Amino acid sequence: MSEFSPAWLALREPADADARAVEPLDALREHLDGTTRPVIRDLGAGSGSMGRWLAPRLGGPQHWVMYDRDPALLTLAAAGMAPYPMVTVETRQGDVAGLTAADLAGASLVTASALLDLLTAEEVDGLAEACAGAGCAALFTLSVAGRVRLSPADPLDGEVEAAFNNHQRRVHSTRRLLGPDAPGVAAEAFTRRGATVLESPSPWRLGPERAALTAEWLRGWVGAAVEQQSELAEPAKAYLSRRLDAVAAGTLRAEVDHRDLLALPG
């Protein structure tokens, strides 16, 4: 299943919603207090899960500007905000990696979900610079943090995890992706520009109640590890079979680390 397909995004949305940290929202609401109609720019919006999660938690009138490269996903994202009549939406198709302060002018808040680990250090630094220049807050959720805890344990867990993390840090075309280093790089970039940065864990917790998501995540996790480290191909085949059997039996649980980051302008 494609990482950005509507089916995959729909499958992961409930786990995403449960994982995102709610503790920083008090500080965010306080920061936005007095803003009559906050303008929220959602980068890499996908099918709009961030908007559906955050809009009702902020409450009141809001205007969302949703960016994505996929027009079909943007259509889904806009339609998904229909239950919130006080929220208006516009969509913009394109790449979000090179946005500037001018592009973000008028924004009260920039959001993104599961995006930072797909960027380079230079792109994250540029995003922090753009937010600082626009004087807006930023909320980035569900950035991959690199640690996976599986129960029951398997001797191959650590090797698959390490290969997956190296895959996340791979050079894609000419871009070296940050992968699990993204949360730390982003925190440093915003702090250096005078922002107050609040970081929170936001792990996926997978088990029998999310068997379909657990199985699909496992296939992608192991597949990326093998793509990175080809000598894992044979042992990983048996490993994945064991793990999927445990999912089917309802005995496998996984905690997949992510980090959320809220940056408030100084």
C-alpha atoms as a PDB file:
ATOM      1  CA  MET A   1       0.000   0.000   0.000  1.00  0.00           C
ATOM      2  CA  SER A   2       1.464   3.357  -1.049  1.00  0.00           C
ATOM      3  CA  GLU A   3       2.693   5.581   1.784  1.00  0.00           C
ATOM      4  CA  PHE A   4       0.458   8.378   0.485  1.00  0.00           C
ATOM      5  CA  SER A   5      -2.525   6.443  -0.890  1.00  0.00           C
ATOM      6  CA  PRO A   6      -5.998   7.360   0.403  1.00  0.00           C
ATOM      7  CA  ALA A   7      -6.415   3.791   1.691  1.00  0.00           C
ATOM      8  CA  TRP A   8      -3.223   3.947   3.770  1.00  0.00           C
ATOM      9  CA  LEU A   9      -4.006   7.427   5.089  1.00  0.00           C
ATOM     10  CA  ALA A  10      -7.510   6.301   6.114  1.00  0.00           C
ATOM     11  CA  LEU A  11      -6.117   3.178   7.793  1.00  0.00           C
ATOM     12  CA  ARG A  12      -3.638   5.136   9.899  1.00  0.00           C
ATOM     13  CA  GLU A  13      -5.859   8.116  10.767  1.00  0.00           C
ATOM     14  CA  PRO A  14      -7.383   6.685  14.003  1.00  0.00           C
ATOM     15  CA  ALA A  15      -3.926   5.698  15.295  1.00  0.00           C
ATOM     16  CA  ASP A  16      -2.586   9.131  14.367  1.00  0.00           C
ATOM     17  CA  ALA A  17      -5.438  10.821  16.212  1.00  0.00           C
ATOM     18  CA  ASP A  18      -4.838   8.771  19.344  1.00  0.00           C
ATOM     19  CA  ALA A  19      -1.068   9.336  19.207  1.00  0.00           C
ATOM     20  CA  ARG A  20      -0.858  13.108  18.739  1.00  0.00           C
ATOM     21  CA  ALA A  21       0.037  14.875  21.973  1.00  0.00           C
ATOM     22  CA  VAL A  22      -2.721  17.029  23.455  1.00  0.00           C
ATOM     23  CA  GLU A  23      -0.569  18.589  26.196  1.00  0.00           C
ATOM     24  CA  PRO A  24       0.874  21.376  23.968  1.00  0.00           C
ATOM     25  CA  LEU A  25      -2.586  22.486  22.846  1.00  0.00           C
ATOM     26  CA  ASP A  26      -3.189  24.611  25.952  1.00  0.00           C
ATOM     27  CA  ALA A  27      -0.121  26.684  25.089  1.00  0.00           C
ATOM     28  CA  LEU A  28      -1.205  26.877  21.460  1.00  0.00           C
ATOM     29  CA  ARG A  29      -4.734  28.007  22.324  1.00  0.00           C
ATOM     30  CA  GLU A  30      -3.303  30.623  24.675  1.00  0.00           C
ATOM     31  CA  HIS A  31      -1.006  31.851  21.897  1.00  0.00           C
ATOM     32  CA  LEU A  32      -3.923  32.112  19.457  1.00  0.00           C
ATOM     33  CA  ASP A  33      -6.269  33.707  22.003  1.00  0.00           C
ATOM     34  CA  GLY A  34      -7.488  37.017  20.651  1.00  0.00           C
ATOM     35  CA  THR A  35      -6.957  36.037  17.022  1.00  0.00           C
ATOM     36  CA  THR A  36     -10.409  36.500  15.526  1.00  0.00           C
ATOM     37  CA  ARG A  37     -10.048  33.949  12.748  1.00  0.00           C
ATOM     38  CA  PRO A  38      -6.682  32.168  12.804  1.00  0.00           C
ATOM     39  CA  VAL A  39      -5.199  31.259   9.444  1.00  0.00           C
ATOM     40  CA  ILE A  40      -3.688  27.771   9.542  1.00  0.00           C
ATOM     41  CA  ARG A  41      -1.421  26.563   6.756  1.00  0.00           C
ATOM     42  CA  ASP A  42      -1.278  22.762   6.690  1.00  0.00           C
ATOM     43  CA  LEU A  43       1.769  21.473   4.805  1.00  0.00           C
ATOM     44  CA  GLY A  44       1.615  18.085   3.142  1.00  0.00           C
ATOM     45  CA  ALA A  45      -2.022  17.899   4.159  1.00  0.00           C
ATOM     46  CA  GLY A  46      -2.706  14.550   2.491  1.00  0.00           C
ATOM     47  CA  SER A  47      -6.351  13.625   3.013  1.00  0.00           C
ATOM     48  CA  GLY A  48      -6.686  16.233   5.782  1.00  0.00           C
ATOM     49  CA  SER A  49      -6.349  14.222   8.985  1.00  0.00           C
ATOM     50  CA  MET A  50      -4.539  17.043  10.802  1.00  0.00           C
ATOM     51  CA  GLY A  51      -7.376  19.444  10.074  1.00  0.00           C
ATOM     52  CA  ARG A  52     -10.004  16.976  11.248  1.00  0.00           C
ATOM     53  CA  TRP A  53      -8.041  16.408  14.460  1.00  0.00           C
ATOM     54  CA  LEU A  54      -7.003  19.974  15.280  1.00  0.00           C
ATOM     55  CA  ALA A  55      -9.892  22.167  14.109  1.00  0.00           C
ATOM     56  CA  PRO A  56     -12.413  20.959  16.718  1.00  0.00           C
ATOM     57  CA  ARG A  57      -9.761  21.124  19.438  1.00  0.00           C
ATOM     58  CA  LEU A  58      -9.021  24.756  18.660  1.00  0.00           C
ATOM     59  CA  GLY A  59     -12.697  25.633  18.252  1.00  0.00           C
ATOM     60  CA  GLY A  60     -14.213  28.784  16.794  1.00  0.00           C
ATOM     61  CA  PRO A  61     -13.823  30.264  13.304  1.00  0.00           C
ATOM     62  CA  GLN A  62     -10.694  29.217  11.420  1.00  0.00           C
ATOM     63  CA  HIS A  63      -9.362  29.404   7.886  1.00  0.00           C
ATOM     64  CA  TRP A  64      -7.273  26.446   6.686  1.00  0.00           C
ATOM     65  CA  VAL A  65      -4.949  26.566   3.687  1.00  0.00           C
ATOM     66  CA  MET A  66      -4.046  23.000   2.757  1.00  0.00           C
ATOM     67  CA  TYR A  67      -0.971  22.251   0.655  1.00  0.00           C
ATOM     68  CA  ASP A  68      -0.178  18.970  -1.087  1.00  0.00           C
ATOM     69  CA  ARG A  69       1.248  17.737  -4.376  1.00  0.00           C
ATOM     70  CA  ASP A  70      -1.703  15.387  -4.987  1.00  0.00           C
ATOM     71  CA  PRO A  71      -4.894  17.123  -6.170  1.00  0.00           C
ATOM     72  CA  ALA A  72      -7.044  14.068  -5.423  1.00  0.00           C
ATOM     73  CA  LEU A  73      -5.906  14.092  -1.792  1.00  0.00           C
ATOM     74  CA  LEU A  74      -6.582  17.823  -1.553  1.00  0.00           C
ATOM     75  CA  THR A  75     -10.147  17.223  -2.706  1.00  0.00           C
ATOM     76  CA  LEU A  76     -10.579  14.666   0.078  1.00  0.00           C
ATOM     77  CA  ALA A  77      -8.997  17.031   2.600  1.00  0.00           C
ATOM     78  CA  ALA A  78     -11.338  19.903   1.779  1.00  0.00           C
ATOM     79  CA  ALA A  79     -14.410  17.661   1.815  1.00  0.00           C
ATOM     80  CA  GLY A  80     -13.375  16.229   5.179  1.00  0.00           C
ATOM     81  CA  MET A  81     -13.739  19.638   6.848  1.00  0.00           C
ATOM     82  CA  ALA A  82     -17.458  19.853   6.013  1.00  0.00           C
ATOM     83  CA  PRO A  83     -18.540  18.825   9.558  1.00  0.00           C
ATOM     84  CA  TYR A  84     -16.992  22.056  10.896  1.00  0.00           C
ATOM     85  CA  PRO A  85     -19.202  24.906   9.560  1.00  0.00           C
ATOM     86  CA  MET A  86     -17.090  27.637  11.199  1.00  0.00           C
ATOM     87  CA  VAL A  87     -14.012  26.456   9.279  1.00  0.00           C
ATOM     88  CA  THR A  88     -13.276  27.660   5.753  1.00  0.00           C
ATOM     89  CA  VAL A  89     -10.801  25.857   3.510  1.00  0.00           C
ATOM     90  CA  GLU A  90      -8.709  26.559   0.454  1.00  0.00           C
ATOM     91  CA  THR A  91      -6.279  24.171  -1.213  1.00  0.00           C
ATOM     92  CA  ARG A  92      -2.960  24.752  -2.943  1.00  0.00           C
ATOM     93  CA  GLN A  93      -1.154  22.177  -5.028  1.00  0.00           C
ATOM     94  CA  GLY A  94       2.645  22.123  -4.969  1.00  0.00           C
ATOM     95  CA  ASP A  95       5.830  21.292  -3.099  1.00  0.00           C
ATOM     96  CA  VAL A  96       6.157  22.627   0.453  1.00  0.00           C
ATOM     97  CA  ALA A  97       9.915  22.200   0.831  1.00  0.00           C
ATOM     98  CA  GLY A  98      10.857  25.682  -0.365  1.00  0.00           C
ATOM     99  CA  LEU A  99       8.233  27.906   1.267  1.00  0.00           C
ATOM    100  CA  THR A 100       9.418  31.352   2.367  1.00  0.00           C
ATOM    101  CA  ALA A 101       8.230  33.904   4.911  1.00  0.00           C
ATOM    102  CA  ALA A 102       6.419  35.688   2.085  1.00  0.00           C
ATOM    103  CA  ASP A 103       4.554  32.467   1.248  1.00  0.00           C
ATOM    104  CA  LEU A 104       3.449  32.189   4.890  1.00  0.00           C
ATOM    105  CA  ALA A 105       2.498  35.852   5.303  1.00  0.00           C
ATOM    106  CA  GLY A 106      -0.670  36.221   7.334  1.00  0.00           C
ATOM    107  CA  ALA A 107      -0.469  32.749   8.839  1.00  0.00           C
ATOM    108  CA  SER A 108      -1.261  32.335  12.532  1.00  0.00           C
ATOM    109  CA  LEU A 109      -0.071  28.733  12.598  1.00  0.00           C
ATOM    110  CA  VAL A 110       1.779  26.310  10.328  1.00  0.00           C
ATOM    111  CA  THR A 111       1.010  22.629  10.793  1.00  0.00           C
ATOM    112  CA  ALA A 112       2.241  19.369   9.340  1.00  0.00           C
ATOM    113  CA  SER A 113       1.862  15.717  10.206  1.00  0.00           C
ATOM    114  CA  ALA A 114       4.378  12.958   9.416  1.00  0.00           C
ATOM    115  CA  LEU A 115       6.356  15.379   7.241  1.00  0.00           C
ATOM    116  CA  LEU A 116       9.612  16.512   8.878  1.00  0.00           C
ATOM    117  CA  ASP A 117      11.349  13.127   8.562  1.00  0.00           C
ATOM    118  CA  LEU A 118      10.849  13.333   4.769  1.00  0.00           C
ATOM    119  CA  LEU A 119      12.784  16.611   4.564  1.00  0.00           C
ATOM    120  CA  THR A 120      16.483  17.453   4.560  1.00  0.00           C
ATOM    121  CA  ALA A 121      18.283  19.443   7.249  1.00  0.00           C
ATOM    122  CA  GLU A 122      18.424  22.428   4.887  1.00  0.00           C
ATOM    123  CA  GLU A 123      14.694  22.221   4.182  1.00  0.00           C
ATOM    124  CA  VAL A 124      13.794  22.021   7.870  1.00  0.00           C
ATOM    125  CA  ASP A 125      16.073  24.980   8.573  1.00  0.00           C
ATOM    126  CA  GLY A 126      14.400  26.904   5.759  1.00  0.00           C
ATOM    127  CA  LEU A 127      10.974  26.082   7.147  1.00  0.00           C
ATOM    128  CA  ALA A 128      11.989  27.355  10.588  1.00  0.00           C
ATOM    129  CA  GLU A 129      13.319  30.529   8.956  1.00  0.00           C
ATOM    130  CA  ALA A 130      10.067  30.998   7.030  1.00  0.00           C
ATOM    131  CA  CYS A 131       7.948  30.578  10.172  1.00  0.00           C
ATOM    132  CA  ALA A 132      10.172  32.971  12.117  1.00  0.00           C
ATOM    133  CA  GLY A 133       9.990  35.532   9.318  1.00  0.00           C
ATOM    134  CA  ALA A 134       6.208  35.247   9.179  1.00  0.00           C
ATOM    135  CA  GLY A 135       5.958  35.451  12.971  1.00  0.00           C
ATOM    136  CA  CYS A 136       3.719  32.381  13.174  1.00  0.00           C
ATOM    137  CA  ALA A 137       3.560  29.372  15.461  1.00  0.00           C
ATOM    138  CA  ALA A 138       4.310  25.871  14.151  1.00  0.00           C
ATOM    139  CA  LEU A 139       2.910  22.493  15.159  1.00  0.00           C
ATOM    140  CA  PHE A 140       4.566  19.425  13.657  1.00  0.00           C
ATOM    141  CA  THR A 141       3.185  16.058  14.731  1.00  0.00           C
ATOM    142  CA  LEU A 142       4.106  12.402  14.267  1.00  0.00           C
ATOM    143  CA  SER A 143       7.702  12.803  13.130  1.00  0.00           C
ATOM    144  CA  VAL A 144       9.433   9.417  13.065  1.00  0.00           C
ATOM    145  CA  ALA A 145      11.748   9.094  16.057  1.00  0.00           C
ATOM    146  CA  GLY A 146      13.438   5.783  15.241  1.00  0.00           C
ATOM    147  CA  ARG A 147      12.557   3.505  18.156  1.00  0.00           C
ATOM    148  CA  VAL A 148      10.209   0.519  17.856  1.00  0.00           C
ATOM    149  CA  ARG A 149       9.268  -1.732  20.776  1.00  0.00           C
ATOM    150  CA  LEU A 150       7.732  -5.083  19.868  1.00  0.00           C
ATOM    151  CA  SER A 151       6.230  -7.612  22.259  1.00  0.00           C
ATOM    152  CA  PRO A 152       6.977 -10.462  22.294  1.00  0.00           C
ATOM    153  CA  ALA A 153      10.540  -9.694  21.254  1.00  0.00           C
ATOM    154  CA  ASP A 154      12.349 -11.377  18.341  1.00  0.00           C
ATOM    155  CA  PRO A 155      16.133 -11.678  17.853  1.00  0.00           C
ATOM    156  CA  LEU A 156      15.885  -9.824  14.525  1.00  0.00           C
ATOM    157  CA  ASP A 157      13.990  -6.793  15.882  1.00  0.00           C
ATOM    158  CA  GLY A 158      17.068  -4.625  16.429  1.00  0.00           C
ATOM    159  CA  GLU A 159      18.616  -5.335  13.038  1.00  0.00           C
ATOM    160  CA  VAL A 160      15.396  -4.553  11.189  1.00  0.00           C
ATOM    161  CA  GLU A 161      14.982  -1.346  13.202  1.00  0.00           C
ATOM    162  CA  ALA A 162      18.524  -0.189  12.442  1.00  0.00           C
ATOM    163  CA  ALA A 163      18.184  -0.930   8.712  1.00  0.00           C
ATOM    164  CA  PHE A 164      14.832   0.881   8.574  1.00  0.00           C
ATOM    165  CA  ASN A 165      16.295   3.951  10.291  1.00  0.00           C
ATOM    166  CA  ASN A 166      19.188   3.997   7.829  1.00  0.00           C
ATOM    167  CA  HIS A 167      16.658   3.775   5.013  1.00  0.00           C
ATOM    168  CA  GLN A 168      14.865   6.816   6.428  1.00  0.00           C
ATOM    169  CA  ARG A 169      18.184   8.704   6.336  1.00  0.00           C
ATOM    170  CA  ARG A 170      18.911   7.681   2.738  1.00  0.00           C
ATOM    171  CA  VAL A 171      19.874   9.979  -0.109  1.00  0.00           C
ATOM    172  CA  HIS A 172      16.814  10.375  -2.324  1.00  0.00           C
ATOM    173  CA  SER A 173      17.861  11.848  -5.664  1.00  0.00           C
ATOM    174  CA  THR A 174      20.300  14.462  -4.316  1.00  0.00           C
ATOM    175  CA  ARG A 175      18.489  14.987  -1.005  1.00  0.00           C
ATOM    176  CA  ARG A 176      19.656  13.348   2.230  1.00  0.00           C
ATOM    177  CA  LEU A 177      16.527  12.798   4.275  1.00  0.00           C
ATOM    178  CA  LEU A 178      16.536  13.384   8.013  1.00  0.00           C
ATOM    179  CA  GLY A 179      14.440  10.391   9.034  1.00  0.00           C
ATOM    180  CA  PRO A 180      14.525   9.922  12.807  1.00  0.00           C
ATOM    181  CA  ASP A 181      16.937  12.842  13.223  1.00  0.00           C
ATOM    182  CA  ALA A 182      14.216  15.292  12.156  1.00  0.00           C
ATOM    183  CA  PRO A 183      12.683  16.103  15.574  1.00  0.00           C
ATOM    184  CA  GLY A 184      16.033  17.132  17.037  1.00  0.00           C
ATOM    185  CA  VAL A 185      17.070  19.116  13.981  1.00  0.00           C
ATOM    186  CA  ALA A 186      13.730  20.957  13.946  1.00  0.00           C
ATOM    187  CA  ALA A 187      13.848  21.751  17.670  1.00  0.00           C
ATOM    188  CA  GLU A 188      17.337  23.205  17.318  1.00  0.00           C
ATOM    189  CA  ALA A 189      16.397  25.243  14.224  1.00  0.00           C
ATOM    190  CA  PHE A 190      13.388  26.872  15.914  1.00  0.00           C
ATOM    191  CA  THR A 191      15.211  27.415  19.218  1.00  0.00           C
ATOM    192  CA  ARG A 192      18.063  29.143  17.395  1.00  0.00           C
ATOM    193  CA  ARG A 193      15.516  31.628  16.035  1.00  0.00           C
ATOM    194  CA  GLY A 194      14.193  32.511  19.475  1.00  0.00           C
ATOM    195  CA  ALA A 195      11.095  30.302  19.529  1.00  0.00           C
ATOM    196  CA  THR A 196       9.807  28.542  22.621  1.00  0.00           C
ATOM    197  CA  VAL A 197       9.835  24.863  21.693  1.00  0.00           C
ATOM    198  CA  LEU A 198       7.689  22.226  23.403  1.00  0.00           C
ATOM    199  CA  GLU A 199       8.380  18.591  22.505  1.00  0.00           C
ATOM    200  CA  SER A 200       6.136  15.642  23.317  1.00  0.00           C
ATOM    201  CA  PRO A 201       6.194  11.907  22.581  1.00  0.00           C
ATOM    202  CA  SER A 202       3.413  10.709  20.297  1.00  0.00           C
ATOM    203  CA  PRO A 203       3.855   6.949  19.842  1.00  0.00           C
ATOM    204  CA  TRP A 204       1.610   4.716  17.819  1.00  0.00           C
ATOM    205  CA  ARG A 205       0.346   1.896  20.037  1.00  0.00           C
ATOM    206  CA  LEU A 206      -0.570  -1.056  17.866  1.00  0.00           C
ATOM    207  CA  GLY A 207      -2.142  -4.350  18.817  1.00  0.00           C
ATOM    208  CA  PRO A 208      -5.071  -6.691  18.165  1.00  0.00           C
ATOM    209  CA  GLU A 209      -7.531  -3.799  18.048  1.00  0.00           C
ATOM    210  CA  ARG A 210      -5.616  -2.401  15.032  1.00  0.00           C
ATOM    211  CA  ALA A 211      -4.606  -5.630  13.341  1.00  0.00           C
ATOM    212  CA  ALA A 212      -4.984  -4.333   9.768  1.00  0.00           C
ATOM    213  CA  LEU A 213      -2.807  -1.293  10.445  1.00  0.00           C
ATOM    214  CA  THR A 214      -0.254  -3.369  12.364  1.00  0.00           C
ATOM    215  CA  ALA A 215       0.096  -5.826   9.474  1.00  0.00           C
ATOM    216  CA  GLU A 216       0.379  -3.107   6.839  1.00  0.00           C
ATOM    217  CA  TRP A 217       2.897  -1.148   8.926  1.00  0.00           C
ATOM    218  CA  LEU A 218       4.984  -4.304   9.428  1.00  0.00           C
ATOM    219  CA  ARG A 219       5.109  -4.980   5.694  1.00  0.00           C
ATOM    220  CA  GLY A 220       6.303  -1.440   5.024  1.00  0.00           C
ATOM    221  CA  TRP A 221       8.759  -1.404   7.933  1.00  0.00           C
ATOM    222  CA  VAL A 222      10.405  -4.692   6.976  1.00  0.00           C
ATOM    223  CA  GLY A 223      10.277  -3.867   3.264  1.00  0.00           C
ATOM    224  CA  ALA A 224      12.160  -0.596   3.777  1.00  0.00           C
ATOM    225  CA  ALA A 225      14.741  -2.384   5.930  1.00  0.00           C
ATOM    226  CA  VAL A 226      15.373  -4.965   3.191  1.00  0.00           C
ATOM    227  CA  GLU A 227      15.570  -2.241   0.540  1.00  0.00           C
ATOM    228  CA  GLN A 228      18.291  -0.609   2.629  1.00  0.00           C
ATOM    229  CA  GLN A 229      20.153  -3.795   3.567  1.00  0.00           C
ATOM    230  CA  SER A 230      19.743  -6.471   0.894  1.00  0.00           C
ATOM    231  CA  GLU A 231      21.436  -9.207   2.931  1.00  0.00           C
ATOM    232  CA  LEU A 232      18.415  -9.085   5.228  1.00  0.00           C
ATOM    233  CA  ALA A 233      16.151 -10.353   2.446  1.00  0.00           C
ATOM    234  CA  GLU A 234      16.088 -14.036   3.378  1.00  0.00           C
ATOM    235  CA  PRO A 235      15.993 -13.752   7.193  1.00  0.00           C
ATOM    236  CA  ALA A 236      13.476 -10.908   6.900  1.00  0.00           C
ATOM    237  CA  LYS A 237      11.107 -13.108   4.893  1.00  0.00           C
ATOM    238  CA  ALA A 238      10.821 -15.568   7.755  1.00  0.00           C
ATOM    239  CA  TYR A 239      10.761 -12.733  10.289  1.00  0.00           C
ATOM    240  CA  LEU A 240       7.849 -11.008   8.572  1.00  0.00           C
ATOM    241  CA  SER A 241       5.979 -14.297   8.358  1.00  0.00           C
ATOM    242  CA  ARG A 242       6.420 -14.865  12.106  1.00  0.00           C
ATOM    243  CA  ARG A 243       5.313 -11.351  12.909  1.00  0.00           C
ATOM    244  CA  LEU A 244       2.246 -11.492  10.654  1.00  0.00           C
ATOM    245  CA  ASP A 245       1.274 -14.827  12.198  1.00  0.00           C
ATOM    246  CA  ALA A 246       1.435 -13.135  15.610  1.00  0.00           C
ATOM    247  CA  VAL A 247      -0.754 -10.292  14.344  1.00  0.00           C
ATOM    248  CA  ALA A 248      -3.310 -12.806  13.081  1.00  0.00           C
ATOM    249  CA  ALA A 249      -3.218 -14.597  16.451  1.00  0.00           C
ATOM    250  CA  GLY A 250      -3.714 -11.306  18.297  1.00  0.00           C
ATOM    251  CA  THR A 251      -0.504 -11.673  20.308  1.00  0.00           C
ATOM    252  CA  LEU A 252       1.721  -8.952  18.801  1.00  0.00           C
ATOM    253  CA  ARG A 253       1.911  -5.449  20.225  1.00  0.00           C
ATOM    254  CA  ALA A 254       4.056  -2.615  18.939  1.00  0.00           C
ATOM    255  CA  GLU A 255       4.940   0.871  20.117  1.00  0.00           C
ATOM    256  CA  VAL A 256       6.297   3.002  17.286  1.00  0.00           C
ATOM    257  CA  ASP A 257       7.958   6.200  18.502  1.00  0.00           C
ATOM    258  CA  HIS A 258       7.076   9.587  17.052  1.00  0.00           C
ATOM    259  CA  ARG A 259       7.629  13.117  18.344  1.00  0.00           C
ATOM    260  CA  ASP A 260       5.428  16.212  18.247  1.00  0.00           C
ATOM    261  CA  LEU A 261       6.881  19.714  18.300  1.00  0.00           C
ATOM    262  CA  LEU A 262       5.182  23.033  19.013  1.00  0.00           C
ATOM    263  CA  ALA A 263       7.211  26.188  18.332  1.00  0.00           C
ATOM    264  CA  LEU A 264       5.846  29.505  19.559  1.00  0.00           C
ATOM    265  CA  PRO A 265       7.482  32.691  18.215  1.00  0.00           C
ATOM    266  CA  GLY A 266       9.585  34.621  20.682  1.00  0.00           C
END
